[in-house]
C-alpha atoms as a PDB file:
ATOM      1  CA  GLN A   1       2.444 -10.933   3.358  1.00  0.00           C
ATOM      2  CA  LEU A   2       5.583  -9.184   5.445  1.00  0.00           C
ATOM      3  CA  PHE A   3       7.112  -6.534   3.440  1.00  0.00           C
ATOM      4  CA  TRP A   4       5.984  -7.716  -0.237  1.00  0.00           C
ATOM      5  CA  GLU A   5       6.812  -4.734  -2.198  1.00  0.00           C
ATOM      6  CA  LYS A   6      10.241  -6.949  -2.013  1.00  0.00           C
ATOM      7  CA  ARG A   7       9.155  -9.761  -4.078  1.00  0.00           C
ATOM      8  CA  LEU A   8       9.107  -7.328  -6.196  1.00  0.00           C
ATOM      9  CA  GLN A   9      12.256  -5.883  -5.755  1.00  0.00           C
ATOM     10  CA  GLY A  10      14.524  -5.314  -9.206  1.00  0.00           C
ATOM     11  CA  LEU A  11      11.900  -6.158 -11.711  1.00  0.00           C
ATOM     12  CA  SER A  12      11.321  -3.894 -14.432  1.00  0.00           C
ATOM     13  CA  ALA A  13       7.896  -2.952 -16.941  1.00  0.00           C
ATOM     14  CA  SER A  14       9.375  -3.488 -20.723  1.00  0.00           C
ATOM     15  CA  ASP A  15       7.733  -2.396 -24.518  1.00  0.00           C
ATOM     16  CA  VAL A  16       7.173  -4.333 -27.318  1.00  0.00           C
ATOM     17  CA  SER A  17      10.007  -4.077 -27.926  1.00  0.00           C
ATOM     18  CA  GLU A  18      11.659  -5.648 -25.070  1.00  0.00           C
ATOM     19  CA  GLN A  19      13.136  -2.200 -23.881  1.00  0.00           C
ATOM     20  CA  ILE A  20      12.851  -1.135 -20.143  1.00  0.00           C
ATOM     21  CA  ILE A  21      10.325   1.249 -19.793  1.00  0.00           C
ATOM     22  CA  LYS A  22      12.243   3.986 -16.912  1.00  0.00           C
ATOM     23  CA  SER A  23      10.308   3.450 -13.439  1.00  0.00           C
ATOM     24  CA  MET A  24       8.602   6.778 -12.315  1.00  0.00           C
ATOM     25  CA  GLU A  25       9.867   9.230  -9.992  1.00  0.00           C
ATOM     26  CA  LEU A  26       8.946   9.672  -6.639  1.00  0.00           C
ATOM     27  CA  PRO A  27       8.767  12.974  -5.323  1.00  0.00           C
ATOM     28  CA  LYS A  28      10.991  13.598  -3.124  1.00  0.00           C
ATOM     29  CA  GLY A  29       8.871  14.364   0.477  1.00  0.00           C
ATOM     30  CA  LEU A  30       8.503  10.370   0.558  1.00  0.00           C
ATOM     31  CA  GLN A  31      10.706   8.813   1.773  1.00  0.00           C
ATOM     32  CA  GLY A  32      11.273   5.077   2.308  1.00  0.00           C
ATOM     33  CA  VAL A  33      11.601   3.762   5.688  1.00  0.00           C
ATOM     34  CA  GLY A  34      12.046  -0.331   6.632  1.00  0.00           C
ATOM     35  CA  PRO A  35      14.685  -3.260   6.073  1.00  0.00           C
ATOM     36  CA  GLY A  36      16.727  -2.730   2.765  1.00  0.00           C
ATOM     37  CA  ASN A  37      14.297   0.146   1.247  1.00  0.00           C
ATOM     38  CA  ASN A  38      14.350   1.968  -2.160  1.00  0.00           C
ATOM     39  CA  ASP A  39      11.892   3.767  -4.685  1.00  0.00           C
ATOM     40  CA  ASP A  40      11.187   1.209  -6.640  1.00  0.00           C
ATOM     41  CA  THR A  41      10.221  -0.797  -3.693  1.00  0.00           C
ATOM     42  CA  LEU A  42       8.725   2.111  -1.814  1.00  0.00           C
ATOM     43  CA  LEU A  43       7.251   2.717  -5.373  1.00  0.00           C
ATOM     44  CA  SER A  44       5.518  -0.642  -5.280  1.00  0.00           C
ATOM     45  CA  ALA A  45       4.221  -0.345  -1.698  1.00  0.00           C
ATOM     46  CA  VAL A  46       2.333   3.659  -2.379  1.00  0.00           C
ATOM     47  CA  ALA A  47       1.008   2.310  -5.451  1.00  0.00           C
ATOM     48  CA  SER A  48      -0.554  -1.575  -4.056  1.00  0.00           C
ATOM     49  CA  ALA A  49      -2.015   0.879  -1.322  1.00  0.00           C
ATOM     50  CA  LEU A  50      -4.185   4.085  -4.311  1.00  0.00           C
ATOM     51  CA  HIS A  51      -5.404   0.615  -5.594  1.00  0.00           C
ATOM     52  CA  THR A  52      -6.791  -1.415  -2.881  1.00  0.00           C
ATOM     53  CA  SER A  53      -7.885   1.514  -0.415  1.00  0.00           C
ATOM     54  CA  SER A  54      -9.931   4.681  -1.134  1.00  0.00           C
ATOM     55  CA  ALA A  55      -8.589   6.157   2.418  1.00  0.00           C
ATOM     56  CA  PRO A  56      -5.657   8.903   1.723  1.00  0.00           C
ATOM     57  CA  ILE A  57      -1.708   7.888   2.019  1.00  0.00           C
ATOM     58  CA  THR A  58      -0.144   9.935   4.931  1.00  0.00           C
ATOM     59  CA  GLY A  59       2.654   7.450   5.997  1.00  0.00           C
ATOM     60  CA  GLN A  60       4.210   6.084   9.165  1.00  0.00           C
ATOM     61  CA  LEU A  61       2.802   8.188  11.227  1.00  0.00           C
ATOM     62  CA  SER A  62       5.028   6.850  14.492  1.00  0.00           C
ATOM     63  CA  ALA A  63       8.146   7.148  15.050  1.00  0.00           C
ATOM     64  CA  ALA A  64       9.491   3.598  16.555  1.00  0.00           C
ATOM     65  CA  VAL A  65       9.724   3.233  13.265  1.00  0.00           C
ATOM     66  CA  GLU A  66      13.011   4.315  13.430  1.00  0.00           C
ATOM     67  CA  LYS A  67      14.020   3.024  16.481  1.00  0.00           C
ATOM     68  CA  ASN A  68      13.032  -0.465  14.999  1.00  0.00           C
ATOM     69  CA  PRO A  69      12.636  -0.519  10.691  1.00  0.00           C
ATOM     70  CA  ALA A  70      10.854  -3.956  10.703  1.00  0.00           C
ATOM     71  CA  VAL A  71       7.759  -3.002  11.713  1.00  0.00           C
ATOM     72  CA  TRP A  72       5.264  -2.949  10.978  1.00  0.00           C
ATOM     73  CA  LEU A  73       2.318  -0.185  12.331  1.00  0.00           C
ATOM     74  CA  ASN A  74       0.125   1.227  10.393  1.00  0.00           C
ATOM     75  CA  THR A  75      -0.873  -2.104   7.871  1.00  0.00           C
ATOM     76  CA  SER A  76      -3.723   1.148   6.479  1.00  0.00           C
ATOM     77  CA  GLN A  77      -0.077   3.127   5.263  1.00  0.00           C
ATOM     78  CA  PRO A  78       3.174   1.846   3.119  1.00  0.00           C
ATOM     79  CA  LEU A  79       6.367   2.243   5.487  1.00  0.00           C
ATOM     80  CA  CYS A  80       7.497   5.616   4.227  1.00  0.00           C
ATOM     81  CA  LYS A  81       7.777   8.824   5.941  1.00  0.00           C
ATOM     82  CA  ALA A  82       4.679  11.192   6.751  1.00  0.00           C
ATOM     83  CA  PHE A  83       4.648  13.472   4.337  1.00  0.00           C
ATOM     84  CA  ILE A  84       2.351  16.723   3.269  1.00  0.00           C
ATOM     85  CA  VAL A  85       1.276  17.094   0.216  1.00  0.00           C
ATOM     86  CA  THR A  86       1.368  20.702  -0.420  1.00  0.00           C
ATOM     87  CA  ASP A  87      -0.830  23.783  -2.582  1.00  0.00           C
ATOM     88  CA  ASP A  88       2.793  23.878  -4.802  1.00  0.00           C
ATOM     89  CA  ASP A  89       2.808  20.584  -5.340  1.00  0.00           C
ATOM     90  CA  ILE A  90      -0.712  19.377  -6.459  1.00  0.00           C
ATOM     91  CA  ARG A  91      -0.102  22.484  -8.984  1.00  0.00           C
ATOM     92  CA  LYS A  92       3.480  21.629  -9.905  1.00  0.00           C
ATOM     93  CA  GLN A  93       1.352  17.862 -10.592  1.00  0.00           C
ATOM     94  CA  GLU A  94      -1.469  19.422 -12.578  1.00  0.00           C
ATOM     95  CA  GLU A  95       1.367  21.402 -14.965  1.00  0.00           C
ATOM     96  CA  ARG A  96       2.914  18.179 -15.605  1.00  0.00           C
ATOM     97  CA  VAL A  97      -0.015  16.787 -16.388  1.00  0.00           C
ATOM     98  CA  GLN A  98      -1.284  19.368 -18.886  1.00  0.00           C
ATOM     99  CA  GLN A  99       2.407  19.432 -20.943  1.00  0.00           C
ATOM    100  CA  VAL A 100       1.855  15.487 -21.394  1.00  0.00           C
ATOM    101  CA  ARG A 101      -1.602  15.596 -22.363  1.00  0.00           C
ATOM    102  CA  LYS A 102      -0.328  18.386 -24.963  1.00  0.00           C
ATOM    103  CA  LYS A 103       2.264  15.940 -26.155  1.00  0.00           C
ATOM    104  CA  LEU A 104      -0.866  12.769 -26.708  1.00  0.00           C
ATOM    105  CA  GLU A 105      -2.466  15.372 -28.403  1.00  0.00           C
ATOM    106  CA  GLU A 106      -0.216  16.833 -31.118  1.00  0.00           C
ATOM    107  CA  ALA A 107       1.123  12.597 -31.027  1.00  0.00           C
ATOM    108  CA  LEU A 108      -2.538  11.732 -31.739  1.00  0.00           C
ATOM    109  CA  MET A 109      -3.076  14.388 -34.309  1.00  0.00           C
ATOM    110  CA  ALA A 110      -0.024  13.536 -36.015  1.00  0.00           C
ATOM    111  CA  ASP A 111      -1.112  10.186 -37.055  1.00  0.00           C
ATOM    112  CA  ILE A 112      -4.044  10.876 -37.553  1.00  0.00           C
ATOM    113  CA  LEU A 113      -2.201  13.251 -40.279  1.00  0.00           C
ATOM    114  CA  SER A 114      -0.080  10.423 -41.199  1.00  0.00           C
ATOM    115  CA  ARG A 115      -2.891   8.202 -42.297  1.00  0.00           C
END
């Protein structure tokens, strides 16, 4: 289906207490294109592309999408503008991963000690 991500628009995950889980924040350089695009739709498209293909995600490389946002130029890429991941982006993400791992370790240790 064309623009299948639109069907997921407005849906969100919730935890066991039915509290809505905050959606991920996309990097500033990742910008969607096409009709009615938003961050949630773009996140769904990028996640799907990562899940269904081992090819790198580069975005739509043609300027034609700006002239006709209803065109699906490259079906192996989500509808986002072409982007480049820099070494600084990778370094920042590595730092975030280390921080989250540290928090997880602390939470697991607290759980073990409480038992």
